[in-house]
Amino acid sequence: MKLSKITAVSLALLLSASAAFAQGGWGSLSALKGQRKVNVAFDYSESIIQGRTEDKWASEEPNWGLAQEEVAAKFVEEFNERVASTSSPILVGDFPDAYYTILIKPSNIVRKGNFSGRVYLMDGNGNIVMDVPLQAKGGHIGSFWNLLGDGMRDAAKTIAYKYRDLVK
């Protein structure tokens, strides 16, 4: 995921934050019905990772950029696999022509890859059409990157199941 795209999505999120309070709820995923492609982005800018700010973490972990790409790939793979067999399958990824973006914004990430945060669905104009809390469970064995990948898979599973419930 390109940093410039994440920055643009984060800026749009900040500019339209007031809309989040009025339009939240998983039901807002219904906006995705009929869509074939949806962007997905991850914003760690306000995350606390194992007790450190994201800036501090990035300065101490030279592989943080690469790890973010690997963790994002696990989210994309899990989500796409879980919605492929629905009556209205969609793909998440990085699509220039997609109108909607799912933004995962972890706020607190612990050693096992568990994290809390928020999930936003934003339209092509930067309006937030969904804002819901998210709790994801990481793994038990492996490196931090592997455990965080498990957390992202859990987040993808949660969102995919909410989407599947809507398109039954």
N, C-alpha and C. Protein backbone atom coordinates (compact mmCIF):
# COMPACT_ATOMS: atom_id res chain seq x y z
N MET A 1 0.85 -1.17 0.00
CA MET A 1 0.00 0.00 0.00
C MET A 1 0.89 1.23 0.00
N LYS A 2 0.62 2.15 -0.87
CA LYS A 2 1.43 3.34 -0.99
C LYS A 2 1.16 4.29 0.17
N LEU A 3 2.23 4.87 0.73
CA LEU A 3 2.05 5.79 1.84
C LEU A 3 1.23 7.00 1.44
N SER A 4 1.37 7.50 0.23
CA SER A 4 0.62 8.67 -0.20
C SER A 4 -0.88 8.38 -0.21
N LYS A 5 -1.26 7.18 -0.59
CA LYS A 5 -2.67 6.82 -0.59
C LYS A 5 -3.20 6.73 0.84
N ILE A 6 -2.41 6.15 1.74
CA ILE A 6 -2.82 6.07 3.14
C ILE A 6 -2.96 7.47 3.71
N THR A 7 -2.03 8.35 3.40
CA THR A 7 -2.10 9.72 3.89
C THR A 7 -3.35 10.42 3.37
N ALA A 8 -3.66 10.24 2.10
CA ALA A 8 -4.84 10.86 1.52
C ALA A 8 -6.11 10.33 2.17
N VAL A 9 -6.16 9.03 2.38
CA VAL A 9 -7.33 8.44 3.03
C VAL A 9 -7.46 8.95 4.46
N SER A 10 -6.34 9.04 5.18
CA SER A 10 -6.38 9.55 6.55
C SER A 10 -6.84 10.99 6.60
N LEU A 11 -6.38 11.80 5.65
CA LEU A 11 -6.79 13.19 5.60
C LEU A 11 -8.28 13.29 5.34
N ALA A 12 -8.77 12.51 4.40
CA ALA A 12 -10.20 12.51 4.12
C ALA A 12 -10.99 12.07 5.34
N LEU A 13 -10.46 11.10 6.07
CA LEU A 13 -11.10 10.63 7.29
C LEU A 13 -11.21 11.76 8.31
N LEU A 14 -10.12 12.48 8.51
CA LEU A 14 -10.13 13.58 9.46
C LEU A 14 -11.09 14.69 9.04
N LEU A 15 -11.14 14.98 7.75
CA LEU A 15 -11.99 16.06 7.26
C LEU A 15 -13.48 15.75 7.38
N SER A 16 -13.82 14.46 7.33
CA SER A 16 -15.22 14.11 7.41
C SER A 16 -15.58 13.37 8.68
N ALA A 17 -14.79 13.53 9.72
CA ALA A 17 -14.99 12.78 10.96
C ALA A 17 -16.34 13.06 11.60
N SER A 18 -16.87 14.25 11.46
CA SER A 18 -18.15 14.55 12.09
C SER A 18 -19.27 13.70 11.51
N ALA A 19 -19.16 13.29 10.26
CA ALA A 19 -20.18 12.45 9.66
C ALA A 19 -20.21 11.07 10.29
N ALA A 20 -19.12 10.64 10.88
CA ALA A 20 -19.04 9.30 11.45
C ALA A 20 -20.05 9.10 12.56
N PHE A 21 -20.29 10.11 13.35
CA PHE A 21 -21.19 9.96 14.48
C PHE A 21 -22.63 9.81 14.02
N ALA A 22 -22.97 10.38 12.88
CA ALA A 22 -24.34 10.33 12.41
C ALA A 22 -24.65 9.09 11.58
N GLN A 23 -23.64 8.43 11.02
CA GLN A 23 -23.91 7.39 10.04
C GLN A 23 -23.32 6.03 10.39
N GLY A 24 -22.93 5.77 11.61
CA GLY A 24 -22.26 4.53 11.95
C GLY A 24 -23.14 3.31 11.84
N GLY A 25 -22.57 2.12 12.02
CA GLY A 25 -23.30 0.88 12.04
C GLY A 25 -22.89 -0.05 10.91
N TRP A 26 -22.92 -1.36 11.19
CA TRP A 26 -22.56 -2.34 10.18
C TRP A 26 -23.52 -2.33 9.02
N GLY A 27 -24.75 -1.88 9.23
CA GLY A 27 -25.71 -1.81 8.14
C GLY A 27 -25.23 -0.95 7.00
N SER A 28 -24.33 -0.04 7.28
CA SER A 28 -23.80 0.82 6.23
C SER A 28 -22.97 0.04 5.22
N LEU A 29 -22.61 -1.18 5.52
CA LEU A 29 -21.93 -2.03 4.54
C LEU A 29 -22.84 -2.31 3.35
N SER A 30 -24.15 -2.08 3.52
CA SER A 30 -25.07 -2.31 2.41
C SER A 30 -24.72 -1.45 1.21
N ALA A 31 -23.97 -0.38 1.42
CA ALA A 31 -23.53 0.45 0.30
C ALA A 31 -22.65 -0.35 -0.66
N LEU A 32 -22.08 -1.45 -0.19
CA LEU A 32 -21.20 -2.26 -1.03
C LEU A 32 -21.95 -3.22 -1.94
N LYS A 33 -23.26 -3.38 -1.72
CA LYS A 33 -24.03 -4.27 -2.58
C LYS A 33 -23.92 -3.76 -4.01
N GLY A 34 -23.63 -4.67 -4.91
CA GLY A 34 -23.51 -4.31 -6.31
C GLY A 34 -22.11 -3.85 -6.72
N GLN A 35 -21.26 -3.60 -5.74
CA GLN A 35 -19.88 -3.22 -6.05
C GLN A 35 -19.10 -4.49 -6.38
N ARG A 36 -18.11 -4.38 -7.23
CA ARG A 36 -17.27 -5.52 -7.56
C ARG A 36 -15.88 -5.39 -6.96
N LYS A 37 -15.43 -4.15 -6.73
CA LYS A 37 -14.10 -3.90 -6.19
C LYS A 37 -14.20 -2.81 -5.13
N VAL A 38 -13.44 -2.99 -4.06
CA VAL A 38 -13.39 -2.02 -2.97
C VAL A 38 -11.93 -1.87 -2.55
N ASN A 39 -11.51 -0.65 -2.38
CA ASN A 39 -10.15 -0.42 -1.88
C ASN A 39 -10.09 -0.77 -0.40
N VAL A 40 -8.92 -1.12 0.04
CA VAL A 40 -8.69 -1.32 1.47
C VAL A 40 -7.40 -0.58 1.81
N ALA A 41 -7.43 0.10 2.95
CA ALA A 41 -6.26 0.85 3.42
C ALA A 41 -6.12 0.63 4.92
N PHE A 42 -4.91 0.85 5.40
CA PHE A 42 -4.60 0.65 6.81
C PHE A 42 -3.90 1.91 7.30
N ASP A 43 -4.35 2.41 8.43
CA ASP A 43 -3.78 3.64 8.98
C ASP A 43 -3.30 3.35 10.41
N TYR A 44 -2.00 3.33 10.58
CA TYR A 44 -1.40 3.07 11.89
C TYR A 44 -0.93 4.37 12.56
N SER A 45 -1.21 5.51 11.97
CA SER A 45 -0.62 6.77 12.42
C SER A 45 -0.93 7.11 13.87
N GLU A 46 -2.05 6.65 14.39
CA GLU A 46 -2.39 6.94 15.78
C GLU A 46 -2.33 5.68 16.65
N SER A 47 -1.71 4.64 16.13
CA SER A 47 -1.65 3.36 16.84
C SER A 47 -0.61 3.40 17.96
N ILE A 48 -0.92 2.66 19.00
CA ILE A 48 0.04 2.35 20.05
C ILE A 48 0.38 0.87 19.83
N ILE A 49 1.64 0.62 19.51
CA ILE A 49 2.09 -0.74 19.18
C ILE A 49 3.02 -1.20 20.29
N GLN A 50 2.57 -2.18 21.04
CA GLN A 50 3.32 -2.70 22.18
C GLN A 50 3.81 -1.55 23.07
N GLY A 51 2.92 -0.61 23.33
CA GLY A 51 3.22 0.49 24.26
C GLY A 51 3.97 1.66 23.64
N ARG A 52 4.24 1.62 22.33
CA ARG A 52 4.97 2.72 21.69
C ARG A 52 4.10 3.36 20.59
N THR A 53 4.32 4.63 20.35
CA THR A 53 3.64 5.27 19.24
C THR A 53 4.12 4.64 17.93
N GLU A 54 3.37 4.83 16.88
CA GLU A 54 3.75 4.26 15.59
C GLU A 54 5.08 4.85 15.11
N ASP A 55 5.30 6.16 15.33
CA ASP A 55 6.58 6.77 14.94
C ASP A 55 7.75 6.14 15.69
N LYS A 56 7.59 5.95 16.99
CA LYS A 56 8.65 5.33 17.79
C LYS A 56 8.88 3.89 17.35
N TRP A 57 7.78 3.17 17.14
CA TRP A 57 7.87 1.78 16.70
C TRP A 57 8.61 1.69 15.37
N ALA A 58 8.24 2.55 14.42
CA ALA A 58 8.87 2.54 13.09
C ALA A 58 10.36 2.84 13.18
N SER A 59 10.76 3.70 14.12
CA SER A 59 12.19 4.03 14.25
C SER A 59 12.97 2.87 14.86
N GLU A 60 12.31 2.01 15.63
CA GLU A 60 12.97 0.88 16.27
C GLU A 60 12.87 -0.41 15.46
N GLU A 61 11.94 -0.47 14.55
CA GLU A 61 11.71 -1.68 13.76
C GLU A 61 11.94 -1.37 12.29
N PRO A 62 13.12 -1.65 11.77
CA PRO A 62 13.45 -1.29 10.39
C PRO A 62 12.57 -1.99 9.34
N ASN A 63 11.95 -3.09 9.69
CA ASN A 63 11.11 -3.83 8.74
C ASN A 63 9.63 -3.46 8.83
N TRP A 64 9.30 -2.41 9.53
CA TRP A 64 7.91 -2.04 9.75
C TRP A 64 7.18 -1.80 8.44
N GLY A 65 7.77 -1.12 7.49
CA GLY A 65 7.12 -0.86 6.20
C GLY A 65 6.80 -2.15 5.45
N LEU A 66 7.75 -3.04 5.37
CA LEU A 66 7.56 -4.32 4.71
C LEU A 66 6.52 -5.16 5.47
N ALA A 67 6.59 -5.13 6.78
CA ALA A 67 5.64 -5.90 7.59
C ALA A 67 4.21 -5.41 7.35
N GLN A 68 4.02 -4.10 7.21
CA GLN A 68 2.68 -3.57 6.95
C GLN A 68 2.12 -4.14 5.65
N GLU A 69 2.96 -4.25 4.63
CA GLU A 69 2.52 -4.82 3.35
C GLU A 69 2.14 -6.29 3.50
N GLU A 70 2.94 -7.04 4.25
CA GLU A 70 2.65 -8.46 4.47
C GLU A 70 1.35 -8.65 5.26
N VAL A 71 1.16 -7.83 6.27
CA VAL A 71 -0.04 -7.91 7.10
C VAL A 71 -1.27 -7.53 6.26
N ALA A 72 -1.15 -6.50 5.43
CA ALA A 72 -2.25 -6.08 4.55
C ALA A 72 -2.62 -7.21 3.59
N ALA A 73 -1.62 -7.89 3.06
CA ALA A 73 -1.87 -8.99 2.13
C ALA A 73 -2.66 -10.11 2.81
N LYS A 74 -2.40 -10.35 4.08
CA LYS A 74 -3.15 -11.38 4.81
C LYS A 74 -4.61 -10.98 4.97
N PHE A 75 -4.86 -9.70 5.23
CA PHE A 75 -6.23 -9.20 5.33
C PHE A 75 -6.95 -9.41 4.00
N VAL A 76 -6.32 -8.96 2.91
CA VAL A 76 -6.92 -9.03 1.59
C VAL A 76 -7.24 -10.48 1.21
N GLU A 77 -6.28 -11.37 1.42
CA GLU A 77 -6.48 -12.78 1.09
C GLU A 77 -7.65 -13.38 1.87
N GLU A 78 -7.69 -13.13 3.16
CA GLU A 78 -8.76 -13.69 4.01
C GLU A 78 -10.12 -13.15 3.62
N PHE A 79 -10.22 -11.84 3.45
CA PHE A 79 -11.51 -11.24 3.10
C PHE A 79 -12.00 -11.78 1.75
N ASN A 80 -11.15 -11.72 0.74
CA ASN A 80 -11.56 -12.15 -0.60
C ASN A 80 -11.98 -13.61 -0.62
N GLU A 81 -11.28 -14.45 0.13
CA GLU A 81 -11.64 -15.86 0.19
C GLU A 81 -13.01 -16.06 0.83
N ARG A 82 -13.31 -15.30 1.85
CA ARG A 82 -14.57 -15.49 2.58
C ARG A 82 -15.79 -14.94 1.86
N VAL A 83 -15.63 -13.99 0.96
CA VAL A 83 -16.80 -13.44 0.27
C VAL A 83 -16.93 -13.96 -1.17
N ALA A 84 -15.98 -14.74 -1.63
CA ALA A 84 -15.99 -15.22 -3.02
C ALA A 84 -17.23 -16.02 -3.36
N SER A 85 -17.78 -16.76 -2.40
CA SER A 85 -18.91 -17.63 -2.69
C SER A 85 -20.26 -16.98 -2.39
N THR A 86 -20.28 -15.68 -2.07
CA THR A 86 -21.55 -15.03 -1.78
C THR A 86 -22.31 -14.74 -3.08
N SER A 87 -23.58 -14.38 -2.92
CA SER A 87 -24.38 -14.04 -4.10
C SER A 87 -23.93 -12.73 -4.74
N SER A 88 -23.17 -11.94 -4.01
CA SER A 88 -22.66 -10.67 -4.53
C SER A 88 -21.19 -10.51 -4.13
N PRO A 89 -20.29 -11.32 -4.75
CA PRO A 89 -18.88 -11.26 -4.33
C PRO A 89 -18.22 -9.93 -4.70
N ILE A 90 -17.34 -9.49 -3.83
CA ILE A 90 -16.54 -8.30 -4.09
C ILE A 90 -15.08 -8.64 -3.81
N LEU A 91 -14.19 -7.87 -4.36
CA LEU A 91 -12.77 -8.01 -4.09
C LEU A 91 -12.30 -6.76 -3.37
N VAL A 92 -11.48 -6.94 -2.32
CA VAL A 92 -10.82 -5.80 -1.72
C VAL A 92 -9.38 -5.81 -2.19
N GLY A 93 -8.80 -4.63 -2.30
CA GLY A 93 -7.42 -4.50 -2.75
C GLY A 93 -7.11 -3.04 -3.02
N ASP A 94 -6.32 -2.80 -4.03
CA ASP A 94 -5.94 -1.45 -4.43
C ASP A 94 -6.39 -1.26 -5.87
N PHE A 95 -7.57 -0.67 -6.05
CA PHE A 95 -8.18 -0.52 -7.36
C PHE A 95 -8.44 0.96 -7.64
N PRO A 96 -7.76 1.54 -8.63
CA PRO A 96 -7.96 2.96 -8.92
C PRO A 96 -9.40 3.34 -9.28
N ASP A 97 -10.16 2.39 -9.83
CA ASP A 97 -11.53 2.70 -10.24
C ASP A 97 -12.59 2.37 -9.19
N ALA A 98 -12.20 1.88 -8.02
CA ALA A 98 -13.16 1.55 -6.97
C ALA A 98 -13.69 2.83 -6.31
N TYR A 99 -14.97 2.84 -5.99
CA TYR A 99 -15.59 4.02 -5.39
C TYR A 99 -15.46 4.03 -3.86
N TYR A 100 -15.47 2.86 -3.25
CA TYR A 100 -15.44 2.77 -1.79
C TYR A 100 -14.08 2.31 -1.29
N THR A 101 -13.76 2.70 -0.06
CA THR A 101 -12.54 2.27 0.62
C THR A 101 -12.90 1.81 2.02
N ILE A 102 -12.44 0.62 2.37
CA ILE A 102 -12.52 0.14 3.76
C ILE A 102 -11.21 0.55 4.41
N LEU A 103 -11.29 1.30 5.47
CA LEU A 103 -10.09 1.75 6.19
C LEU A 103 -10.05 1.08 7.55
N ILE A 104 -8.98 0.35 7.80
CA ILE A 104 -8.75 -0.29 9.09
C ILE A 104 -7.79 0.61 9.85
N LYS A 105 -8.22 1.04 11.03
CA LYS A 105 -7.40 1.96 11.82
C LYS A 105 -7.20 1.39 13.23
N PRO A 106 -6.15 0.56 13.41
CA PRO A 106 -5.88 0.02 14.74
C PRO A 106 -5.48 1.14 15.71
N SER A 107 -5.93 1.01 16.96
CA SER A 107 -5.53 2.02 17.95
C SER A 107 -4.57 1.44 18.98
N ASN A 108 -4.71 0.16 19.30
CA ASN A 108 -3.85 -0.46 20.30
C ASN A 108 -3.52 -1.88 19.86
N ILE A 109 -2.24 -2.13 19.58
CA ILE A 109 -1.80 -3.45 19.13
C ILE A 109 -0.88 -4.02 20.20
N VAL A 110 -1.20 -5.24 20.65
CA VAL A 110 -0.38 -5.87 21.68
C VAL A 110 0.46 -6.99 21.08
N ARG A 111 1.34 -7.54 21.88
CA ARG A 111 2.35 -8.52 21.44
C ARG A 111 1.78 -9.71 20.67
N LYS A 112 0.63 -10.22 21.08
CA LYS A 112 0.06 -11.39 20.41
C LYS A 112 -0.63 -11.04 19.09
N GLY A 113 -0.59 -9.77 18.71
CA GLY A 113 -1.24 -9.36 17.46
C GLY A 113 -2.69 -8.98 17.64
N ASN A 114 -3.20 -9.07 18.88
CA ASN A 114 -4.56 -8.61 19.14
C ASN A 114 -4.57 -7.10 18.96
N PHE A 115 -5.67 -6.58 18.47
CA PHE A 115 -5.77 -5.12 18.40
C PHE A 115 -7.21 -4.66 18.48
N SER A 116 -7.35 -3.45 18.96
CA SER A 116 -8.63 -2.76 18.94
C SER A 116 -8.47 -1.58 17.99
N GLY A 117 -9.56 -1.11 17.49
CA GLY A 117 -9.51 0.02 16.58
C GLY A 117 -10.87 0.29 15.99
N ARG A 118 -10.86 0.84 14.78
CA ARG A 118 -12.10 1.19 14.10
C ARG A 118 -12.02 0.74 12.65
N VAL A 119 -13.18 0.50 12.08
CA VAL A 119 -13.32 0.22 10.66
C VAL A 119 -14.20 1.31 10.08
N TYR A 120 -13.71 1.92 9.03
CA TYR A 120 -14.47 2.95 8.34
C TYR A 120 -14.74 2.49 6.92
N LEU A 121 -15.91 2.82 6.42
CA LEU A 121 -16.20 2.68 5.00
C LEU A 121 -16.38 4.10 4.48
N MET A 122 -15.56 4.43 3.50
CA MET A 122 -15.59 5.79 2.95
C MET A 122 -15.97 5.72 1.48
N ASP A 123 -16.78 6.69 1.05
CA ASP A 123 -17.12 6.74 -0.37
C ASP A 123 -16.06 7.50 -1.14
N GLY A 124 -16.22 7.59 -2.44
CA GLY A 124 -15.23 8.21 -3.30
C GLY A 124 -15.06 9.70 -3.06
N ASN A 125 -15.99 10.31 -2.34
CA ASN A 125 -15.90 11.74 -2.01
C ASN A 125 -15.27 11.97 -0.65
N GLY A 126 -14.85 10.89 0.02
CA GLY A 126 -14.23 11.02 1.33
C GLY A 126 -15.22 11.04 2.48
N ASN A 127 -16.51 10.82 2.19
CA ASN A 127 -17.53 10.79 3.25
C ASN A 127 -17.50 9.45 3.95
N ILE A 128 -17.60 9.48 5.25
CA ILE A 128 -17.65 8.25 6.03
C ILE A 128 -19.08 7.75 6.03
N VAL A 129 -19.29 6.54 5.52
CA VAL A 129 -20.63 5.96 5.51
C VAL A 129 -20.77 4.86 6.55
N MET A 130 -19.66 4.48 7.17
CA MET A 130 -19.69 3.51 8.25
C MET A 130 -18.52 3.79 9.17
N ASP A 131 -18.78 3.68 10.46
CA ASP A 131 -17.75 3.85 11.49
C ASP A 131 -18.12 2.93 12.63
N VAL A 132 -17.38 1.83 12.77
CA VAL A 132 -17.69 0.87 13.82
C VAL A 132 -16.42 0.44 14.54
N PRO A 133 -16.55 0.07 15.81
CA PRO A 133 -15.38 -0.44 16.53
C PRO A 133 -15.02 -1.84 16.05
N LEU A 134 -13.76 -2.19 16.26
CA LEU A 134 -13.27 -3.50 15.85
C LEU A 134 -12.35 -4.05 16.92
N GLN A 135 -12.53 -5.31 17.25
CA GLN A 135 -11.63 -6.05 18.13
C GLN A 135 -11.15 -7.26 17.33
N ALA A 136 -9.86 -7.43 17.23
CA ALA A 136 -9.32 -8.56 16.46
C ALA A 136 -8.37 -9.36 17.34
N LYS A 137 -8.40 -10.66 17.15
CA LYS A 137 -7.54 -11.55 17.91
C LYS A 137 -6.38 -12.02 17.05
N GLY A 138 -5.19 -11.86 17.58
CA GLY A 138 -3.98 -12.31 16.90
C GLY A 138 -3.77 -13.80 17.10
N GLY A 139 -2.53 -14.20 17.12
CA GLY A 139 -2.21 -15.61 17.24
C GLY A 139 -1.54 -15.95 18.56
N HIS A 140 -0.92 -17.13 18.62
CA HIS A 140 -0.28 -17.61 19.84
C HIS A 140 1.20 -17.95 19.65
N ILE A 141 1.55 -18.35 18.43
CA ILE A 141 2.93 -18.79 18.20
C ILE A 141 3.46 -18.09 16.96
N GLY A 142 4.69 -17.60 17.07
CA GLY A 142 5.33 -17.01 15.91
C GLY A 142 5.86 -15.62 16.20
N SER A 143 6.38 -15.00 15.16
CA SER A 143 6.91 -13.64 15.29
C SER A 143 5.77 -12.65 15.47
N PHE A 144 6.10 -11.46 15.89
CA PHE A 144 5.08 -10.42 16.04
C PHE A 144 4.37 -10.18 14.71
N TRP A 145 5.13 -10.19 13.61
CA TRP A 145 4.52 -9.93 12.31
C TRP A 145 3.51 -11.02 11.97
N ASN A 146 3.84 -12.27 12.26
CA ASN A 146 2.93 -13.38 12.03
C ASN A 146 1.68 -13.23 12.89
N LEU A 147 1.87 -12.87 14.16
CA LEU A 147 0.75 -12.72 15.07
C LEU A 147 -0.16 -11.55 14.66
N LEU A 148 0.45 -10.44 14.22
CA LEU A 148 -0.35 -9.32 13.74
C LEU A 148 -1.08 -9.71 12.46
N GLY A 149 -0.45 -10.50 11.62
CA GLY A 149 -1.12 -11.02 10.43
C GLY A 149 -2.34 -11.84 10.80
N ASP A 150 -2.22 -12.64 11.87
CA ASP A 150 -3.38 -13.39 12.36
C ASP A 150 -4.48 -12.44 12.83
N GLY A 151 -4.08 -11.35 13.47
CA GLY A 151 -5.05 -10.33 13.89
C GLY A 151 -5.76 -9.72 12.70
N MET A 152 -5.03 -9.44 11.64
CA MET A 152 -5.65 -8.87 10.43
C MET A 152 -6.55 -9.88 9.74
N ARG A 153 -6.17 -11.14 9.79
CA ARG A 153 -7.06 -12.18 9.24
C ARG A 153 -8.36 -12.22 10.04
N ASP A 154 -8.26 -12.10 11.36
CA ASP A 154 -9.46 -12.09 12.19
C ASP A 154 -10.33 -10.88 11.87
N ALA A 155 -9.71 -9.72 11.68
CA ALA A 155 -10.46 -8.51 11.31
C ALA A 155 -11.16 -8.72 9.97
N ALA A 156 -10.46 -9.30 9.00
CA ALA A 156 -11.04 -9.56 7.68
C ALA A 156 -12.23 -10.51 7.80
N LYS A 157 -12.08 -11.52 8.63
CA LYS A 157 -13.16 -12.49 8.83
C LYS A 157 -14.39 -11.79 9.40
N THR A 158 -14.20 -10.95 10.40
CA THR A 158 -15.32 -10.23 11.01
C THR A 158 -16.05 -9.37 9.98
N ILE A 159 -15.31 -8.60 9.21
CA ILE A 159 -15.92 -7.72 8.22
C ILE A 159 -16.57 -8.53 7.10
N ALA A 160 -15.92 -9.59 6.67
CA ALA A 160 -16.49 -10.44 5.62
C ALA A 160 -17.80 -11.07 6.07
N TYR A 161 -17.87 -11.54 7.31
CA TYR A 161 -19.11 -12.14 7.81
C TYR A 161 -20.22 -11.11 7.90
N LYS A 162 -19.89 -9.89 8.27
CA LYS A 162 -20.91 -8.83 8.31
C LYS A 162 -21.42 -8.56 6.90
N TYR A 163 -20.52 -8.54 5.94
CA TYR A 163 -20.91 -8.35 4.54
C TYR A 163 -21.77 -9.52 4.06
N ARG A 164 -21.36 -10.74 4.37
CA ARG A 164 -22.11 -11.93 3.96
C ARG A 164 -23.52 -11.90 4.52
N ASP A 165 -23.67 -11.45 5.76
CA ASP A 165 -25.00 -11.34 6.37
C ASP A 165 -25.91 -10.39 5.58
N LEU A 166 -25.32 -9.35 5.00
CA LEU A 166 -26.10 -8.37 4.25
C LEU A 166 -26.52 -8.86 2.87
N VAL A 167 -25.73 -9.70 2.26
CA VAL A 167 -26.04 -10.11 0.87
C VAL A 167 -26.67 -11.48 0.77
N LYS A 168 -27.13 -12.02 1.87
CA LYS A 168 -27.79 -13.34 1.84
C LYS A 168 -28.98 -13.34 0.93
